[in-house]
Amino acid sequence: MLAPTHSRPDDDTDDNTLHQDNVVHLTGILDVRSVGDVRQTLNDLIDSSDGDVIVDLEEVDAVDATGLGLLVATHRRTQLLGRQLVLWHPMPSVVRILAVTRLHRVLNVERTPLPISA
């Protein structure tokens, strides 16, 4: 089980989170064990950058209630600063959680486009 961890692009580590510009890439499960590191990463990004904050959820398998709380808190913080939190390409399991909790109506979710079949 992988959990999102913090990593800078200039680090020579093999961590699961990478933040470049305004994008934070997460992998694994966003849960109570990983929220602390991800919260710190997002807060650092918000404090050190301008514009929208993008969280790439393409490799996140699941999100628990603590992870959802972090996403909502980050959304509120960015809104207060006149910015936006964007959730990029969540997996179907994460989309399902956002839909069941109706957070897809509050959070800006950009889903992966469906492939065009010939």
C-alpha atoms as a PDB file:
ATOM      1  CA  MET A   1       0.000   0.000   0.000  1.00  0.00           C
ATOM      2  CA  LEU A   2       1.531   3.305  -1.098  1.00  0.00           C
ATOM      3  CA  ALA A   3       0.782   6.590   0.591  1.00  0.00           C
ATOM      4  CA  PRO A   4       1.430  10.060  -0.759  1.00  0.00           C
ATOM      5  CA  THR A   5       4.654  11.533   0.550  1.00  0.00           C
ATOM      6  CA  HIS A   6       6.437  14.804  -0.025  1.00  0.00           C
ATOM      7  CA  SER A   7       9.222  15.241  -2.573  1.00  0.00           C
ATOM      8  CA  ARG A   8      10.827  18.197  -4.318  1.00  0.00           C
ATOM      9  CA  PRO A   9      11.864  17.897  -7.996  1.00  0.00           C
ATOM     10  CA  ASP A  10      15.498  18.532  -7.053  1.00  0.00           C
ATOM     11  CA  ASP A  11      15.549  15.729  -4.447  1.00  0.00           C
ATOM     12  CA  ASP A  12      17.245  12.475  -5.361  1.00  0.00           C
ATOM     13  CA  THR A  13      14.639  10.490  -3.441  1.00  0.00           C
ATOM     14  CA  ASP A  14      12.102   7.991  -4.743  1.00  0.00           C
ATOM     15  CA  ASP A  15       9.064   9.459  -2.937  1.00  0.00           C
ATOM     16  CA  ASN A  16       5.527   9.244  -4.291  1.00  0.00           C
ATOM     17  CA  THR A  17       4.644  12.953  -4.406  1.00  0.00           C
ATOM     18  CA  LEU A  18       6.256  15.459  -6.700  1.00  0.00           C
ATOM     19  CA  HIS A  19       5.373  19.104  -6.870  1.00  0.00           C
ATOM     20  CA  GLN A  20       6.398  21.229  -9.818  1.00  0.00           C
ATOM     21  CA  ASP A  21       4.993  24.678 -10.440  1.00  0.00           C
ATOM     22  CA  ASN A  22       1.429  24.476  -9.091  1.00  0.00           C
ATOM     23  CA  VAL A  23       0.930  20.722  -9.514  1.00  0.00           C
ATOM     24  CA  VAL A  24       1.086  18.116  -6.753  1.00  0.00           C
ATOM     25  CA  HIS A  25       1.162  14.498  -7.967  1.00  0.00           C
ATOM     26  CA  LEU A  26      -0.162  11.930  -5.494  1.00  0.00           C
ATOM     27  CA  THR A  27      -0.037   8.142  -5.542  1.00  0.00           C
ATOM     28  CA  GLY A  28      -1.479   5.407  -3.370  1.00  0.00           C
ATOM     29  CA  ILE A  29      -4.168   6.059  -0.780  1.00  0.00           C
ATOM     30  CA  LEU A  30      -5.023   9.482   0.633  1.00  0.00           C
ATOM     31  CA  ASP A  31      -5.924   8.512   4.182  1.00  0.00           C
ATOM     32  CA  VAL A  32      -5.318   9.389   7.816  1.00  0.00           C
ATOM     33  CA  ARG A  33      -1.701   8.162   7.607  1.00  0.00           C
ATOM     34  CA  SER A  34      -0.751  10.296   4.626  1.00  0.00           C
ATOM     35  CA  VAL A  35      -2.837  13.444   5.150  1.00  0.00           C
ATOM     36  CA  GLY A  36      -0.258  15.177   7.355  1.00  0.00           C
ATOM     37  CA  ASP A  37       2.468  15.081   4.707  1.00  0.00           C
ATOM     38  CA  VAL A  38       0.081  16.017   1.913  1.00  0.00           C
ATOM     39  CA  ARG A  39      -1.355  18.904   3.963  1.00  0.00           C
ATOM     40  CA  GLN A  40       2.143  20.283   4.497  1.00  0.00           C
ATOM     41  CA  THR A  41       2.944  19.926   0.789  1.00  0.00           C
ATOM     42  CA  LEU A  42      -0.252  21.715  -0.242  1.00  0.00           C
ATOM     43  CA  ASN A  43       0.234  24.503   2.316  1.00  0.00           C
ATOM     44  CA  ASP A  44       3.825  25.027   1.156  1.00  0.00           C
ATOM     45  CA  LEU A  45       2.634  25.156  -2.455  1.00  0.00           C
ATOM     46  CA  ILE A  46      -0.137  27.648  -1.684  1.00  0.00           C
ATOM     47  CA  ASP A  47       2.278  29.851   0.270  1.00  0.00           C
ATOM     48  CA  SER A  48       5.010  29.792  -2.378  1.00  0.00           C
ATOM     49  CA  SER A  49       3.042  30.116  -5.615  1.00  0.00           C
ATOM     50  CA  ASP A  50       0.350  32.076  -7.403  1.00  0.00           C
ATOM     51  CA  GLY A  51      -2.574  30.822  -9.448  1.00  0.00           C
ATOM     52  CA  ASP A  52      -4.604  27.658  -9.213  1.00  0.00           C
ATOM     53  CA  VAL A  53      -3.445  24.690  -7.155  1.00  0.00           C
ATOM     54  CA  ILE A  54      -3.640  21.443  -9.110  1.00  0.00           C
ATOM     55  CA  VAL A  55      -3.729  18.050  -7.400  1.00  0.00           C
ATOM     56  CA  ASP A  56      -3.098  15.164  -9.788  1.00  0.00           C
ATOM     57  CA  LEU A  57      -5.118  12.202  -8.482  1.00  0.00           C
ATOM     58  CA  GLU A  58      -4.479   9.937 -11.467  1.00  0.00           C
ATOM     59  CA  GLU A  59      -2.573   7.403  -9.350  1.00  0.00           C
ATOM     60  CA  VAL A  60      -4.617   7.698  -6.140  1.00  0.00           C
ATOM     61  CA  ASP A  61      -6.500   4.456  -5.524  1.00  0.00           C
ATOM     62  CA  ALA A  62      -8.762   5.619  -2.685  1.00  0.00           C
ATOM     63  CA  VAL A  63      -9.566   8.548  -0.410  1.00  0.00           C
ATOM     64  CA  ASP A  64     -10.967   8.224   3.110  1.00  0.00           C
ATOM     65  CA  ALA A  65     -12.919  10.799   5.137  1.00  0.00           C
ATOM     66  CA  THR A  66      -9.719  12.429   6.387  1.00  0.00           C
ATOM     67  CA  GLY A  67      -8.459  12.815   2.819  1.00  0.00           C
ATOM     68  CA  LEU A  68     -11.783  14.318   1.741  1.00  0.00           C
ATOM     69  CA  GLY A  69     -11.560  16.742   4.667  1.00  0.00           C
ATOM     70  CA  LEU A  70      -8.101  17.802   3.509  1.00  0.00           C
ATOM     71  CA  LEU A  71      -9.365  18.442  -0.022  1.00  0.00           C
ATOM     72  CA  VAL A  72     -12.287  20.531   1.283  1.00  0.00           C
ATOM     73  CA  ALA A  73     -10.021  22.518   3.632  1.00  0.00           C
ATOM     74  CA  THR A  74      -7.569  23.179   0.798  1.00  0.00           C
ATOM     75  CA  HIS A  75     -10.467  24.219  -1.454  1.00  0.00           C
ATOM     76  CA  ARG A  76     -11.661  26.713   1.170  1.00  0.00           C
ATOM     77  CA  ARG A  77      -8.168  28.104   1.711  1.00  0.00           C
ATOM     78  CA  THR A  78      -7.563  28.633  -2.006  1.00  0.00           C
ATOM     79  CA  GLN A  79     -10.979  30.276  -2.398  1.00  0.00           C
ATOM     80  CA  LEU A  80     -10.204  32.739   0.393  1.00  0.00           C
ATOM     81  CA  LEU A  81      -7.076  33.705  -1.546  1.00  0.00           C
ATOM     82  CA  GLY A  82      -9.037  34.160  -4.797  1.00  0.00           C
ATOM     83  CA  ARG A  83      -7.559  30.978  -6.258  1.00  0.00           C
ATOM     84  CA  GLN A  84      -8.926  27.562  -7.130  1.00  0.00           C
ATOM     85  CA  LEU A  85      -8.176  23.952  -6.222  1.00  0.00           C
ATOM     86  CA  VAL A  86      -8.345  21.675  -9.267  1.00  0.00           C
ATOM     87  CA  LEU A  87      -8.463  17.879  -8.927  1.00  0.00           C
ATOM     88  CA  TRP A  88      -6.939  16.335 -12.052  1.00  0.00           C
ATOM     89  CA  HIS A  89      -7.864  12.946 -13.520  1.00  0.00           C
ATOM     90  CA  PRO A  90      -9.150  11.037 -10.482  1.00  0.00           C
ATOM     91  CA  MET A  91      -9.569   7.288 -10.873  1.00  0.00           C
ATOM     92  CA  PRO A  92     -13.154   5.957 -11.117  1.00  0.00           C
ATOM     93  CA  SER A  93     -13.037   4.796  -7.476  1.00  0.00           C
ATOM     94  CA  VAL A  94     -12.183   8.327  -6.333  1.00  0.00           C
ATOM     95  CA  VAL A  95     -14.817   9.851  -8.636  1.00  0.00           C
ATOM     96  CA  ARG A  96     -17.343   7.491  -7.044  1.00  0.00           C
ATOM     97  CA  ILE A  97     -16.402   8.688  -3.536  1.00  0.00           C
ATOM     98  CA  LEU A  98     -16.674  12.325  -4.622  1.00  0.00           C
ATOM     99  CA  ALA A  99     -20.092  11.644  -6.182  1.00  0.00           C
ATOM    100  CA  VAL A 100     -21.472   9.741  -3.175  1.00  0.00           C
ATOM    101  CA  THR A 101     -20.412  12.557  -0.853  1.00  0.00           C
ATOM    102  CA  ARG A 102     -21.613  15.122  -3.434  1.00  0.00           C
ATOM    103  CA  LEU A 103     -18.242  16.851  -3.250  1.00  0.00           C
ATOM    104  CA  HIS A 104     -18.054  16.748  -7.047  1.00  0.00           C
ATOM    105  CA  ARG A 105     -20.544  19.635  -6.885  1.00  0.00           C
ATOM    106  CA  VAL A 106     -18.235  21.708  -4.674  1.00  0.00           C
ATOM    107  CA  LEU A 107     -14.751  20.792  -5.862  1.00  0.00           C
ATOM    108  CA  ASN A 108     -13.431  21.460  -9.368  1.00  0.00           C
ATOM    109  CA  VAL A 109     -12.840  17.967 -10.785  1.00  0.00           C
ATOM    110  CA  GLU A 110     -11.291  17.531 -14.237  1.00  0.00           C
ATOM    111  CA  ARG A 111     -11.823  13.930 -15.258  1.00  0.00           C
ATOM    112  CA  THR A 112      -9.691  11.980 -17.716  1.00  0.00           C
ATOM    113  CA  PRO A 113     -11.241  12.230 -21.183  1.00  0.00           C
ATOM    114  CA  LEU A 114     -12.713   8.997 -22.482  1.00  0.00           C
ATOM    115  CA  PRO A 115     -10.862   7.479 -25.427  1.00  0.00           C
ATOM    116  CA  ILE A 116     -12.516   7.957 -28.795  1.00  0.00           C
ATOM    117  CA  SER A 117     -13.236   4.636 -30.470  1.00  0.00           C
ATOM    118  CA  ALA A 118     -13.224   4.339 -34.241  1.00  0.00           C
END
